[in-house]
Amino acid sequence: MPRLASTQERRELLADSLGVGVATGAYGVSFGAIATTSGFSVLQACALSLLVFTGASQFALVGVVAAGGTPASAAATTL
């Protein structure tokens, strides 16, 4: 039977989780701002976040499409 975490362990876990959550949230907000500024709809930005799991590829795809590239060339860039 697994043991229950102590109060100190829970605090440490919460602190670690909060740090990761804040960093991930800031990254998501910056991607959303850049995507919508580049002409993507909010739905498209959300779909990219759901389907593309590497942040650099998300930014590369948005940059290529914003510069006038085709979605196929953007997909090739992100591979």
PDB file of N, CA and C in Angstrom:
ATOM      1  N   MET A   1       0.839  -1.171   0.000  1.00  0.00           N
ATOM      2  CA  MET A   1       0.000   0.000   0.000  1.00  0.00           C
ATOM      3  C   MET A   1       0.892   1.246   0.000  1.00  0.00           C
ATOM      4  N   PRO A   2       0.632   2.198  -0.896  1.00  0.00           N
ATOM      5  CA  PRO A   2       1.466   3.399  -0.946  1.00  0.00           C
ATOM      6  C   PRO A   2       1.265   4.266   0.297  1.00  0.00           C
ATOM      7  N   ARG A   3       2.331   4.918   0.690  1.00  0.00           N
ATOM      8  CA  ARG A   3       2.227   5.786   1.863  1.00  0.00           C
ATOM      9  C   ARG A   3       1.724   7.162   1.441  1.00  0.00           C
ATOM     10  N   LEU A   4       1.134   7.873   2.366  1.00  0.00           N
ATOM     11  CA  LEU A   4       0.654   9.221   2.103  1.00  0.00           C
ATOM     12  C   LEU A   4       1.819  10.201   2.191  1.00  0.00           C
ATOM     13  N   ALA A   5       1.780  11.219   1.362  1.00  0.00           N
ATOM     14  CA  ALA A   5       2.840  12.223   1.377  1.00  0.00           C
ATOM     15  C   ALA A   5       2.706  13.100   2.614  1.00  0.00           C
ATOM     16  N   SER A   6       3.847  13.491   3.144  1.00  0.00           N
ATOM     17  CA  SER A   6       3.832  14.377   4.310  1.00  0.00           C
ATOM     18  C   SER A   6       3.475  15.797   3.870  1.00  0.00           C
ATOM     19  N   THR A   7       3.183  16.630   4.833  1.00  0.00           N
ATOM     20  CA  THR A   7       2.838  18.021   4.536  1.00  0.00           C
ATOM     21  C   THR A   7       4.002  18.723   3.847  1.00  0.00           C
ATOM     22  N   GLN A   8       5.212  18.469   4.282  1.00  0.00           N
ATOM     23  CA  GLN A   8       6.397  19.085   3.674  1.00  0.00           C
ATOM     24  C   GLN A   8       6.551  18.632   2.223  1.00  0.00           C
ATOM     25  N   GLU A   9       6.345  17.355   1.961  1.00  0.00           N
ATOM     26  CA  GLU A   9       6.440  16.846   0.587  1.00  0.00           C
ATOM     27  C   GLU A   9       5.365  17.467  -0.296  1.00  0.00           C
ATOM     28  N   ARG A  10       4.193  17.652   0.244  1.00  0.00           N
ATOM     29  CA  ARG A  10       3.118  18.284  -0.528  1.00  0.00           C
ATOM     30  C   ARG A  10       3.453  19.729  -0.855  1.00  0.00           C
ATOM     31  N   ARG A  11       4.040  20.435   0.093  1.00  0.00           N
ATOM     32  CA  ARG A  11       4.438  21.829  -0.156  1.00  0.00           C
ATOM     33  C   ARG A  11       5.500  21.901  -1.244  1.00  0.00           C
ATOM     34  N   GLU A  12       6.471  21.009  -1.184  1.00  0.00           N
ATOM     35  CA  GLU A  12       7.522  20.981  -2.203  1.00  0.00           C
ATOM     36  C   GLU A  12       6.941  20.657  -3.576  1.00  0.00           C
ATOM     37  N   LEU A  13       6.034  19.714  -3.618  1.00  0.00           N
ATOM     38  CA  LEU A  13       5.385  19.353  -4.873  1.00  0.00           C
ATOM     39  C   LEU A  13       4.584  20.523  -5.426  1.00  0.00           C
ATOM     40  N   LEU A  14       3.868  21.216  -4.574  1.00  0.00           N
ATOM     41  CA  LEU A  14       3.084  22.372  -5.000  1.00  0.00           C
ATOM     42  C   LEU A  14       3.993  23.474  -5.534  1.00  0.00           C
ATOM     43  N   ALA A  15       5.105  23.723  -4.856  1.00  0.00           N
ATOM     44  CA  ALA A  15       6.042  24.753  -5.311  1.00  0.00           C
ATOM     45  C   ALA A  15       6.626  24.396  -6.675  1.00  0.00           C
ATOM     46  N   ASP A  16       7.016  23.147  -6.859  1.00  0.00           N
ATOM     47  CA  ASP A  16       7.549  22.709  -8.151  1.00  0.00           C
ATOM     48  C   ASP A  16       6.491  22.806  -9.242  1.00  0.00           C
ATOM     49  N   SER A  17       5.294  22.380  -8.941  1.00  0.00           N
ATOM     50  CA  SER A  17       4.205  22.403  -9.919  1.00  0.00           C
ATOM     51  C   SER A  17       3.835  23.827 -10.298  1.00  0.00           C
ATOM     52  N   LEU A  18       3.839  24.709  -9.328  1.00  0.00           N
ATOM     53  CA  LEU A  18       3.502  26.101  -9.590  1.00  0.00           C
ATOM     54  C   LEU A  18       4.523  26.737 -10.526  1.00  0.00           C
ATOM     55  N   GLY A  19       5.796  26.438 -10.322  1.00  0.00           N
ATOM     56  CA  GLY A  19       6.832  26.969 -11.203  1.00  0.00           C
ATOM     57  C   GLY A  19       6.668  26.508 -12.640  1.00  0.00           C
ATOM     58  N   VAL A  20       6.397  25.237 -12.813  1.00  0.00           N
ATOM     59  CA  VAL A  20       6.189  24.697 -14.161  1.00  0.00           C
ATOM     60  C   VAL A  20       4.931  25.298 -14.783  1.00  0.00           C
ATOM     61  N   GLY A  21       3.880  25.430 -13.994  1.00  0.00           N
ATOM     62  CA  GLY A  21       2.626  25.987 -14.500  1.00  0.00           C
ATOM     63  C   GLY A  21       2.760  27.429 -14.949  1.00  0.00           C
ATOM     64  N   VAL A  22       3.465  28.232 -14.174  1.00  0.00           N
ATOM     65  CA  VAL A  22       3.660  29.640 -14.536  1.00  0.00           C
ATOM     66  C   VAL A  22       4.484  29.750 -15.818  1.00  0.00           C
ATOM     67  N   ALA A  23       5.549  28.976 -15.929  1.00  0.00           N
ATOM     68  CA  ALA A  23       6.387  29.018 -17.127  1.00  0.00           C
ATOM     69  C   ALA A  23       5.614  28.562 -18.362  1.00  0.00           C
ATOM     70  N   THR A  24       4.853  27.496 -18.225  1.00  0.00           N
ATOM     71  CA  THR A  24       4.062  26.989 -19.347  1.00  0.00           C
ATOM     72  C   THR A  24       2.982  27.987 -19.744  1.00  0.00           C
ATOM     73  N   GLY A  25       2.355  28.596 -18.760  1.00  0.00           N
ATOM     74  CA  GLY A  25       1.327  29.599 -19.040  1.00  0.00           C
ATOM     75  C   GLY A  25       1.890  30.806 -19.769  1.00  0.00           C
ATOM     76  N   ALA A  26       3.051  31.287 -19.339  1.00  0.00           N
ATOM     77  CA  ALA A  26       3.679  32.432 -20.003  1.00  0.00           C
ATOM     78  C   ALA A  26       4.047  32.092 -21.442  1.00  0.00           C
ATOM     79  N   TYR A  27       4.540  30.884 -21.654  1.00  0.00           N
ATOM     80  CA  TYR A  27       4.886  30.435 -23.002  1.00  0.00           C
ATOM     81  C   TYR A  27       3.637  30.375 -23.880  1.00  0.00           C
ATOM     82  N   GLY A  28       2.553  29.841 -23.330  1.00  0.00           N
ATOM     83  CA  GLY A  28       1.307  29.744 -24.083  1.00  0.00           C
ATOM     84  C   GLY A  28       0.732  31.100 -24.438  1.00  0.00           C
ATOM     85  N   VAL A  29       0.793  32.036 -23.506  1.00  0.00           N
ATOM     86  CA  VAL A  29       0.288  33.388 -23.772  1.00  0.00           C
ATOM     87  C   VAL A  29       1.122  34.058 -24.858  1.00  0.00           C
ATOM     88  N   SER A  30       2.442  33.906 -24.797  1.00  0.00           N
ATOM     89  CA  SER A  30       3.283  34.524 -25.822  1.00  0.00           C
ATOM     90  C   SER A  30       3.030  33.902 -27.191  1.00  0.00           C
ATOM     91  N   PHE A  31       2.851  32.587 -27.243  1.00  0.00           N
ATOM     92  CA  PHE A  31       2.544  31.956 -28.529  1.00  0.00           C
ATOM     93  C   PHE A  31       1.196  32.438 -29.055  1.00  0.00           C
ATOM     94  N   GLY A  32       0.194  32.499 -28.196  1.00  0.00           N
ATOM     95  CA  GLY A  32      -1.123  32.966 -28.624  1.00  0.00           C
ATOM     96  C   GLY A  32      -1.088  34.391 -29.137  1.00  0.00           C
ATOM     97  N   ALA A  33      -0.334  35.252 -28.468  1.00  0.00           N
ATOM     98  CA  ALA A  33      -0.226  36.645 -28.907  1.00  0.00           C
ATOM     99  C   ALA A  33       0.449  36.742 -30.268  1.00  0.00           C
ATOM    100  N   ILE A  34       1.522  35.999 -30.454  1.00  0.00           N
ATOM    101  CA  ILE A  34       2.229  36.038 -31.740  1.00  0.00           C
ATOM    102  C   ILE A  34       1.377  35.430 -32.845  1.00  0.00           C
ATOM    103  N   ALA A  35       0.693  34.340 -32.551  1.00  0.00           N
ATOM    104  CA  ALA A  35      -0.138  33.686 -33.569  1.00  0.00           C
ATOM    105  C   ALA A  35      -1.286  34.588 -34.004  1.00  0.00           C
ATOM    106  N   THR A  36      -1.983  35.200 -33.057  1.00  0.00           N
ATOM    107  CA  THR A  36      -3.113  36.059 -33.437  1.00  0.00           C
ATOM    108  C   THR A  36      -2.636  37.331 -34.122  1.00  0.00           C
ATOM    109  N   THR A  37      -1.485  37.854 -33.735  1.00  0.00           N
ATOM    110  CA  THR A  37      -0.925  39.027 -34.412  1.00  0.00           C
ATOM    111  C   THR A  37      -0.524  38.686 -35.843  1.00  0.00           C
ATOM    112  N   SER A  38      -0.142  37.447 -36.075  1.00  0.00           N
ATOM    113  CA  SER A  38       0.276  37.008 -37.408  1.00  0.00           C
ATOM    114  C   SER A  38      -0.893  36.624 -38.303  1.00  0.00           C
ATOM    115  N   GLY A  39      -2.113  36.737 -37.799  1.00  0.00           N
ATOM    116  CA  GLY A  39      -3.277  36.474 -38.634  1.00  0.00           C
ATOM    117  C   GLY A  39      -3.998  35.174 -38.355  1.00  0.00           C
ATOM    118  N   PHE A  40      -3.542  34.400 -37.413  1.00  0.00           N
ATOM    119  CA  PHE A  40      -4.237  33.169 -37.042  1.00  0.00           C
ATOM    120  C   PHE A  40      -5.413  33.516 -36.136  1.00  0.00           C
ATOM    121  N   SER A  41      -6.477  32.754 -36.245  1.00  0.00           N
ATOM    122  CA  SER A  41      -7.601  32.944 -35.328  1.00  0.00           C
ATOM    123  C   SER A  41      -7.265  32.288 -33.990  1.00  0.00           C
ATOM    124  N   VAL A  42      -8.044  32.617 -32.981  1.00  0.00           N
ATOM    125  CA  VAL A  42      -7.833  32.004 -31.668  1.00  0.00           C
ATOM    126  C   VAL A  42      -8.020  30.494 -31.766  1.00  0.00           C
ATOM    127  N   LEU A  43      -9.007  30.059 -32.535  1.00  0.00           N
ATOM    128  CA  LEU A  43      -9.244  28.624 -32.711  1.00  0.00           C
ATOM    129  C   LEU A  43      -8.045  27.945 -33.379  1.00  0.00           C
ATOM    130  N   GLN A  44      -7.475  28.586 -34.385  1.00  0.00           N
ATOM    131  CA  GLN A  44      -6.304  28.015 -35.051  1.00  0.00           C
ATOM    132  C   GLN A  44      -5.102  27.949 -34.109  1.00  0.00           C
ATOM    133  N   ALA A  45      -4.909  28.986 -33.308  1.00  0.00           N
ATOM    134  CA  ALA A  45      -3.804  28.982 -32.343  1.00  0.00           C
ATOM    135  C   ALA A  45      -3.995  27.871 -31.316  1.00  0.00           C
ATOM    136  N   CYS A  46      -5.223  27.682 -30.863  1.00  0.00           N
ATOM    137  CA  CYS A  46      -5.501  26.598 -29.907  1.00  0.00           C
ATOM    138  C   CYS A  46      -5.275  25.237 -30.548  1.00  0.00           C
ATOM    139  N   ALA A  47      -5.686  25.090 -31.808  1.00  0.00           N
ATOM    140  CA  ALA A  47      -5.485  23.820 -32.509  1.00  0.00           C
ATOM    141  C   ALA A  47      -3.994  23.525 -32.678  1.00  0.00           C
ATOM    142  N   LEU A  48      -3.206  24.554 -32.995  1.00  0.00           N
ATOM    143  CA  LEU A  48      -1.756  24.345 -33.104  1.00  0.00           C
ATOM    144  C   LEU A  48      -1.169  23.910 -31.771  1.00  0.00           C
ATOM    145  N   SER A  49      -1.623  24.526 -30.697  1.00  0.00           N
ATOM    146  CA  SER A  49      -1.121  24.138 -29.377  1.00  0.00           C
ATOM    147  C   SER A  49      -1.511  22.712 -29.025  1.00  0.00           C
ATOM    148  N   LEU A  50      -2.662  22.286 -29.494  1.00  0.00           N
ATOM    149  CA  LEU A  50      -3.128  20.935 -29.213  1.00  0.00           C
ATOM    150  C   LEU A  50      -2.401  19.891 -30.060  1.00  0.00           C
ATOM    151  N   LEU A  51      -2.092  20.230 -31.308  1.00  0.00           N
ATOM    152  CA  LEU A  51      -1.562  19.244 -32.247  1.00  0.00           C
ATOM    153  C   LEU A  51      -0.039  19.253 -32.388  1.00  0.00           C
ATOM    154  N   VAL A  52       0.599  20.377 -32.133  1.00  0.00           N
ATOM    155  CA  VAL A  52       2.051  20.489 -32.277  1.00  0.00           C
ATOM    156  C   VAL A  52       2.645  20.528 -30.877  1.00  0.00           C
ATOM    157  N   PHE A  53       3.467  19.551 -30.555  1.00  0.00           N
ATOM    158  CA  PHE A  53       3.932  19.391 -29.179  1.00  0.00           C
ATOM    159  C   PHE A  53       5.284  20.027 -28.892  1.00  0.00           C
ATOM    160  N   THR A  54       5.944  20.612 -29.885  1.00  0.00           N
ATOM    161  CA  THR A  54       7.210  21.287 -29.623  1.00  0.00           C
ATOM    162  C   THR A  54       7.026  22.778 -29.839  1.00  0.00           C
ATOM    163  N   GLY A  55       7.406  23.541 -28.859  1.00  0.00           N
ATOM    164  CA  GLY A  55       7.188  24.983 -28.905  1.00  0.00           C
ATOM    165  C   GLY A  55       7.919  25.663 -30.043  1.00  0.00           C
ATOM    166  N   ALA A  56       9.151  25.255 -30.308  1.00  0.00           N
ATOM    167  CA  ALA A  56       9.912  25.875 -31.386  1.00  0.00           C
ATOM    168  C   ALA A  56       9.222  25.657 -32.729  1.00  0.00           C
ATOM    169  N   SER A  57       8.636  24.501 -32.921  1.00  0.00           N
ATOM    170  CA  SER A  57       7.925  24.220 -34.170  1.00  0.00           C
ATOM    171  C   SER A  57       6.681  25.084 -34.299  1.00  0.00           C
ATOM    172  N   GLN A  58       6.008  25.343 -33.193  1.00  0.00           N
ATOM    173  CA  GLN A  58       4.842  26.227 -33.232  1.00  0.00           C
ATOM    174  C   GLN A  58       5.248  27.617 -33.708  1.00  0.00           C
ATOM    175  N   PHE A  59       6.305  28.157 -33.122  1.00  0.00           N
ATOM    176  CA  PHE A  59       6.756  29.489 -33.506  1.00  0.00           C
ATOM    177  C   PHE A  59       7.276  29.504 -34.939  1.00  0.00           C
ATOM    178  N   ALA A  60       7.958  28.452 -35.373  1.00  0.00           N
ATOM    179  CA  ALA A  60       8.456  28.376 -36.747  1.00  0.00           C
ATOM    180  C   ALA A  60       7.304  28.336 -37.739  1.00  0.00           C
ATOM    181  N   LEU A  61       6.291  27.543 -37.448  1.00  0.00           N
ATOM    182  CA  LEU A  61       5.135  27.446 -38.338  1.00  0.00           C
ATOM    183  C   LEU A  61       4.443  28.792 -38.469  1.00  0.00           C
ATOM    184  N   VAL A  62       4.234  29.475 -37.374  1.00  0.00           N
ATOM    185  CA  VAL A  62       3.588  30.789 -37.414  1.00  0.00           C
ATOM    186  C   VAL A  62       4.449  31.777 -38.196  1.00  0.00           C
ATOM    187  N   GLY A  63       5.761  31.739 -37.988  1.00  0.00           N
ATOM    188  CA  GLY A  63       6.652  32.647 -38.705  1.00  0.00           C
ATOM    189  C   GLY A  63       6.643  32.424 -40.202  1.00  0.00           C
ATOM    190  N   VAL A  64       6.652  31.175 -40.631  1.00  0.00           N
ATOM    191  CA  VAL A  64       6.651  30.868 -42.066  1.00  0.00           C
ATOM    192  C   VAL A  64       5.339  31.299 -42.704  1.00  0.00           C
ATOM    193  N   VAL A  65       4.225  30.986 -42.077  1.00  0.00           N
ATOM    194  CA  VAL A  65       2.921  31.360 -42.642  1.00  0.00           C
ATOM    195  C   VAL A  65       2.755  32.880 -42.630  1.00  0.00           C
ATOM    196  N   ALA A  66       3.204  33.549 -41.587  1.00  0.00           N
ATOM    197  CA  ALA A  66       3.092  35.008 -41.507  1.00  0.00           C
ATOM    198  C   ALA A  66       3.939  35.692 -42.578  1.00  0.00           C
ATOM    199  N   ALA A  67       5.042  35.063 -42.975  1.00  0.00           N
ATOM    200  CA  ALA A  67       5.909  35.632 -44.002  1.00  0.00           C
ATOM    201  C   ALA A  67       5.413  35.324 -45.410  1.00  0.00           C
ATOM    202  N   GLY A  68       4.287  34.639 -45.530  1.00  0.00           N
ATOM    203  CA  GLY A  68       3.713  34.361 -46.837  1.00  0.00           C
ATOM    204  C   GLY A  68       3.944  32.953 -47.338  1.00  0.00           C
ATOM    205  N   GLY A  69       4.516  32.105 -46.531  1.00  0.00           N
ATOM    206  CA  GLY A  69       4.745  30.722 -46.933  1.00  0.00           C
ATOM    207  C   GLY A  69       3.457  29.915 -46.923  1.00  0.00           C
ATOM    208  N   THR A  70       3.481  28.807 -47.599  1.00  0.00           N
ATOM    209  CA  THR A  70       2.308  27.934 -47.640  1.00  0.00           C
ATOM    210  C   THR A  70       2.294  27.041 -46.402  1.00  0.00           C
ATOM    211  N   PRO A  71       1.129  26.521 -46.052  1.00  0.00           N
ATOM    212  CA  PRO A  71       1.088  25.583 -44.928  1.00  0.00           C
ATOM    213  C   PRO A  71       1.982  24.357 -45.142  1.00  0.00           C
ATOM    214  N   ALA A  72       2.135  23.920 -46.396  1.00  0.00           N
ATOM    215  CA  ALA A  72       3.002  22.769 -46.672  1.00  0.00           C
ATOM    216  C   ALA A  72       4.467  23.101 -46.384  1.00  0.00           C
ATOM    217  N   SER A  73       4.900  24.296 -46.782  1.00  0.00           N
ATOM    218  CA  SER A  73       6.288  24.682 -46.497  1.00  0.00           C
ATOM    219  C   SER A  73       6.498  24.894 -45.004  1.00  0.00           C
ATOM    220  N   ALA A  74       5.471  25.378 -44.318  1.00  0.00           N
ATOM    221  CA  ALA A  74       5.563  25.539 -42.867  1.00  0.00           C
ATOM    222  C   ALA A  74       5.679  24.179 -42.191  1.00  0.00           C
ATOM    223  N   ALA A  75       4.905  23.208 -42.663  1.00  0.00           N
ATOM    224  CA  ALA A  75       4.970  21.862 -42.091  1.00  0.00           C
ATOM    225  C   ALA A  75       6.337  21.231 -42.348  1.00  0.00           C
ATOM    226  N   ALA A  76       6.894  21.460 -43.529  1.00  0.00           N
ATOM    227  CA  ALA A  76       8.220  20.923 -43.837  1.00  0.00           C
ATOM    228  C   ALA A  76       9.283  21.567 -42.954  1.00  0.00           C
ATOM    229  N   THR A  77       9.115  22.832 -42.643  1.00  0.00           N
ATOM    230  CA  THR A  77      10.061  23.532 -41.772  1.00  0.00           C
ATOM    231  C   THR A  77      10.029  22.972 -40.365  1.00  0.00           C
ATOM    232  N   THR A  78       8.855  22.620 -39.905  1.00  0.00           N
ATOM    233  CA  THR A  78       8.721  22.167 -38.522  1.00  0.00           C
ATOM    234  C   THR A  78       9.119  20.710 -38.329  1.00  0.00           C
ATOM    235  N   LEU A  79       9.291  19.969 -39.405  1.00  0.00           N
ATOM    236  CA  LEU A  79       9.706  18.571 -39.255  1.00  0.00           C
ATOM    237  C   LEU A  79      11.135  18.537 -38.990  1.00  0.00           C
TER     238      LEU A  79
END
